[in-house]
Amino acid sequence: MSIADTSIAATAAALSSVAAWGAWKASREANVTASSVAQIERDRWHKELTPQLRIKLETGARHTLYVRFDAPAALGDLTVELTIRDDIDRSGFPHLAGGPTPEQRAEVIWGP
């Protein structure tokens, strides 16, 4: 092999390594872009599929709570579980002898 052939081979190897580095960098930037586009799409789907509920409370002799599902229709039928709680901190209340333990009192939801 002559000096010219060796020089051409070395130049080709150097240019190939530069091209490989450029391809690696471009693929890395493409992955970052794809991740951000995927996050935008996940956020859009989350917003579009978040249930919209209309809640109405009628007071009077008897309190009535109405919950109405307005949108989106893509969710189909929903089952809604309502829990009404009174979570006042009762840790400072006195404990009576023979009464419930603090653990038992913590399990009880106090309210009318």
Protein backbone atom coordinates (compact mmCIF):
# COMPACT_ATOMS: atom_id res chain seq x y z
CA MET A 1 0.00 0.00 0.00
CA SER A 2 1.33 3.37 -0.89
CA ILE A 3 1.29 6.51 1.17
CA ALA A 4 -1.59 7.86 -0.92
CA ASP A 5 -3.71 4.77 -0.22
CA THR A 6 -2.97 4.99 3.53
CA SER A 7 -3.82 8.69 3.57
CA ILE A 8 -7.11 8.07 1.77
CA ALA A 9 -8.00 5.25 4.17
CA ALA A 10 -7.15 7.40 7.21
CA THR A 11 -9.21 10.31 5.86
CA ALA A 12 -12.14 7.98 5.14
CA ALA A 13 -11.94 6.56 8.67
CA ALA A 14 -11.86 10.06 10.19
CA LEU A 15 -14.83 11.20 8.11
CA SER A 16 -16.74 8.03 9.01
CA SER A 17 -16.16 8.67 12.71
CA VAL A 18 -17.37 12.28 12.32
CA ALA A 19 -20.47 11.03 10.48
CA ALA A 20 -21.13 8.44 13.21
CA TRP A 21 -20.81 11.11 15.90
CA GLY A 22 -23.24 13.36 13.99
CA ALA A 23 -25.73 10.50 13.63
CA TRP A 24 -25.46 9.71 17.36
CA LYS A 25 -26.06 13.35 18.28
CA ALA A 26 -29.04 13.62 15.90
CA SER A 27 -30.60 10.45 17.31
CA ARG A 28 -30.16 11.76 20.86
CA GLU A 29 -31.92 15.02 19.97
CA ALA A 30 -34.66 13.05 18.22
CA ASN A 31 -35.21 11.01 21.40
CA VAL A 32 -35.54 14.18 23.47
CA THR A 33 -38.02 15.60 20.96
CA ALA A 34 -40.00 12.35 20.89
CA SER A 35 -40.17 12.31 24.69
CA SER A 36 -41.49 15.87 24.85
CA VAL A 37 -44.08 15.18 22.12
CA ALA A 38 -45.18 12.04 23.98
CA GLN A 39 -45.58 14.04 27.21
CA ILE A 40 -47.66 16.66 25.41
CA GLU A 41 -49.87 13.90 24.01
CA ARG A 42 -50.28 12.27 27.45
CA ASP A 43 -51.27 15.65 28.95
CA ARG A 44 -53.78 16.23 26.14
CA TRP A 45 -55.38 12.81 26.63
CA HIS A 46 -55.52 13.36 30.38
CA LYS A 47 -57.28 16.69 29.91
CA GLU A 48 -59.69 15.32 27.31
CA LEU A 49 -60.63 12.29 29.42
CA THR A 50 -60.97 14.05 32.78
CA PRO A 51 -64.59 13.61 33.90
CA GLN A 52 -66.61 16.78 34.21
CA LEU A 53 -69.12 16.53 37.04
CA ARG A 54 -71.83 18.97 38.02
CA ILE A 55 -72.49 18.91 41.76
CA LYS A 56 -75.55 20.49 43.36
CA LEU A 57 -76.57 20.52 47.03
CA GLU A 58 -80.16 21.25 47.98
CA THR A 59 -80.73 22.19 51.57
CA GLY A 60 -84.00 22.15 53.42
CA ALA A 61 -85.67 19.71 55.76
CA ARG A 62 -83.52 17.06 54.13
CA HIS A 63 -80.18 17.72 52.40
CA THR A 64 -79.86 16.23 48.92
CA LEU A 65 -76.64 16.00 46.92
CA TYR A 66 -76.92 15.65 43.13
CA VAL A 67 -73.93 14.55 41.06
CA ARG A 68 -74.30 14.72 37.28
CA PHE A 69 -71.80 13.45 34.71
CA ASP A 70 -71.54 15.98 31.88
CA ALA A 71 -68.58 14.92 29.72
CA PRO A 72 -66.65 13.39 27.98
CA ALA A 73 -68.81 10.79 26.29
CA ALA A 74 -65.73 8.68 25.46
CA LEU A 75 -65.62 7.51 29.07
CA GLY A 76 -69.00 5.81 28.78
CA ASP A 77 -70.74 4.94 32.03
CA LEU A 78 -68.97 5.90 35.24
CA THR A 79 -69.42 4.57 38.72
CA VAL A 80 -68.91 7.29 41.29
CA GLU A 81 -68.31 6.49 44.93
CA LEU A 82 -69.00 9.34 47.32
CA THR A 83 -67.57 9.41 50.80
CA ILE A 84 -68.60 12.07 53.29
CA ARG A 85 -66.11 12.43 56.09
CA ASP A 86 -65.53 14.62 59.10
CA ASP A 87 -61.78 14.52 59.64
CA ILE A 88 -61.42 16.81 62.64
CA ASP A 89 -58.27 16.13 64.68
CA ARG A 90 -59.48 14.57 67.91
CA SER A 91 -56.05 13.64 69.26
CA GLY A 92 -56.35 16.26 72.01
CA PHE A 93 -59.72 15.00 73.29
CA PRO A 94 -59.63 13.24 76.68
CA HIS A 95 -59.77 9.44 76.78
CA LEU A 96 -62.28 7.92 79.19
CA ALA A 97 -61.54 4.78 81.16
CA GLY A 98 -63.24 1.77 79.58
CA GLY A 99 -63.96 3.77 76.44
CA PRO A 100 -62.63 3.22 72.95
CA THR A 101 -58.89 3.21 72.35
CA PRO A 102 -57.28 6.04 70.35
CA GLU A 103 -57.01 3.67 67.37
CA GLN A 104 -60.73 2.87 67.52
CA ARG A 105 -61.58 6.56 67.81
CA ALA A 106 -59.40 7.31 64.77
CA GLU A 107 -61.41 4.83 62.68
CA VAL A 108 -64.74 6.50 63.48
CA ILE A 109 -66.02 9.29 61.26
CA TRP A 110 -67.63 11.79 63.59
CA GLY A 111 -70.48 13.88 62.37
CA PRO A 112 -74.24 14.17 62.16
